[in-house]
């Protein structure tokens, strides 16, 4: 019994770009197996494969460099967020205040003067 294939999460445009990139890759490889695979792919999805022709940078390489660039950016942002969390951690903690921590975060504003004083 065949299992149901997972539903694709790519949009139509992303799918066409992926097919065009794979087609470009198969055409660029030496050997009959790659040529047969490229021909079969072109027959199965002619619109995506016709889009693949042209351009100085192969589509898969362009997408792959974009992925690695975005991963680096994510790592940098996560590192920055962690540093900011350390720097600003004292603002949300009780900060050694004798008040109970259940009363919420420490007030950042000074409190008003007392209305009554003991003498």
Protein backbone atom coordinates (compact mmCIF):
# COMPACT_ATOMS: atom_id res chain seq x y z
CA UNK A 1 0.00 0.00 0.00
CA UNK A 2 1.36 3.43 -0.97
CA UNK A 3 1.73 6.13 1.64
CA UNK A 4 0.27 9.53 0.86
CA UNK A 5 3.01 11.90 -0.21
CA UNK A 6 3.39 14.99 1.93
CA UNK A 7 1.76 18.10 0.58
CA UNK A 8 4.19 20.56 -0.98
CA UNK A 9 4.65 23.77 0.96
CA UNK A 10 6.13 25.65 -1.99
CA UNK A 11 4.18 28.20 -3.93
CA UNK A 12 3.78 27.68 -7.67
CA UNK A 13 6.51 30.20 -8.39
CA UNK A 14 8.91 28.56 -5.91
CA UNK A 15 8.17 25.15 -7.42
CA UNK A 16 8.84 26.44 -10.94
CA UNK A 17 12.10 28.05 -9.79
CA UNK A 18 13.14 24.80 -8.14
CA UNK A 19 12.35 22.76 -11.26
CA UNK A 20 14.17 25.29 -13.44
CA UNK A 21 17.22 25.12 -11.19
CA UNK A 22 17.27 21.32 -11.19
CA UNK A 23 16.84 21.29 -14.97
CA UNK A 24 19.76 23.74 -15.36
CA UNK A 25 21.89 21.58 -13.10
CA UNK A 26 21.07 18.39 -15.01
CA UNK A 27 21.91 20.05 -18.34
CA UNK A 28 25.26 21.25 -17.04
CA UNK A 29 26.36 17.76 -15.90
CA UNK A 30 28.25 15.45 -18.25
CA UNK A 31 26.83 12.03 -19.01
CA UNK A 32 23.87 10.40 -20.65
CA UNK A 33 22.02 9.74 -17.40
CA UNK A 34 21.85 13.45 -16.64
CA UNK A 35 20.76 14.24 -20.20
CA UNK A 36 17.96 11.66 -19.99
CA UNK A 37 16.84 13.02 -16.63
CA UNK A 38 16.83 16.58 -18.00
CA UNK A 39 14.81 15.49 -21.04
CA UNK A 40 12.28 13.68 -18.84
CA UNK A 41 11.99 16.71 -16.61
CA UNK A 42 11.49 19.01 -19.61
CA UNK A 43 8.69 16.77 -20.85
CA UNK A 44 7.03 16.70 -17.42
CA UNK A 45 7.22 20.45 -16.75
CA UNK A 46 7.98 22.37 -19.97
CA UNK A 47 7.10 25.83 -18.62
CA UNK A 48 9.58 25.68 -15.75
CA UNK A 49 12.30 24.17 -17.90
CA UNK A 50 11.94 26.78 -20.63
CA UNK A 51 12.40 29.44 -17.96
CA UNK A 52 15.76 27.93 -17.00
CA UNK A 53 17.58 29.02 -20.14
CA UNK A 54 19.66 32.15 -19.85
CA UNK A 55 21.19 34.03 -16.96
CA UNK A 56 24.84 34.21 -16.01
CA UNK A 57 24.51 32.61 -12.55
CA UNK A 58 22.86 29.19 -12.39
CA UNK A 59 19.60 29.35 -10.46
CA UNK A 60 20.42 26.70 -7.86
CA UNK A 61 23.72 28.38 -7.04
CA UNK A 62 21.99 31.73 -6.70
CA UNK A 63 19.36 30.27 -4.35
CA UNK A 64 21.94 28.32 -2.35
CA UNK A 65 24.08 31.41 -1.72
CA UNK A 66 20.96 33.27 -0.64
CA UNK A 67 20.17 30.51 1.86
CA UNK A 68 23.65 30.58 3.39
CA UNK A 69 23.60 34.39 3.54
CA UNK A 70 20.24 34.35 5.33
CA UNK A 71 21.43 31.67 7.78
CA UNK A 72 24.43 33.84 8.67
CA UNK A 73 22.14 36.83 9.18
CA UNK A 74 19.88 34.79 11.47
CA UNK A 75 22.85 33.66 13.56
CA UNK A 76 24.08 37.26 13.87
CA UNK A 77 20.62 38.46 14.94
CA UNK A 78 20.28 35.65 17.49
CA UNK A 79 23.69 36.50 18.93
CA UNK A 80 22.74 40.17 19.12
CA UNK A 81 19.43 39.35 20.80
CA UNK A 82 21.21 37.21 23.40
CA UNK A 83 23.67 40.04 24.15
CA UNK A 84 20.83 42.54 24.46
CA UNK A 85 18.98 40.18 26.78
CA UNK A 86 22.06 40.01 29.05
CA UNK A 87 22.53 43.77 29.00
CA UNK A 88 18.89 44.53 29.82
CA UNK A 89 18.24 41.61 32.18
CA UNK A 90 18.52 43.84 35.25
CA UNK A 91 15.54 45.91 34.08
CA UNK A 92 13.10 43.04 34.39
CA UNK A 93 14.47 41.35 37.51
CA UNK A 94 13.83 42.43 41.05
CA UNK A 95 17.39 43.75 41.17
CA UNK A 96 18.00 42.94 44.85
CA UNK A 97 14.90 44.83 45.94
CA UNK A 98 13.44 43.58 49.19
CA UNK A 99 9.92 43.57 47.77
CA UNK A 100 8.36 40.26 46.82
CA UNK A 101 9.09 39.17 43.22
CA UNK A 102 5.43 38.26 42.77
CA UNK A 103 4.47 41.94 42.73
CA UNK A 104 5.81 42.20 39.19
CA UNK A 105 8.77 43.86 37.60
CA UNK A 106 10.61 46.59 39.49
CA UNK A 107 9.27 50.03 38.80
CA UNK A 108 11.61 52.11 36.71
CA UNK A 109 10.11 55.41 37.93
CA UNK A 110 10.70 56.84 41.40
CA UNK A 111 7.77 56.59 43.74
CA UNK A 112 6.04 59.72 45.00
CA UNK A 113 6.88 61.05 48.46
CA UNK A 114 5.05 59.48 51.37
CA UNK A 115 1.79 61.14 52.32
CA UNK A 116 2.37 60.56 56.06
CA UNK A 117 5.53 60.19 58.08
CA UNK A 118 6.08 58.75 61.56
CA UNK A 119 7.70 61.03 64.10
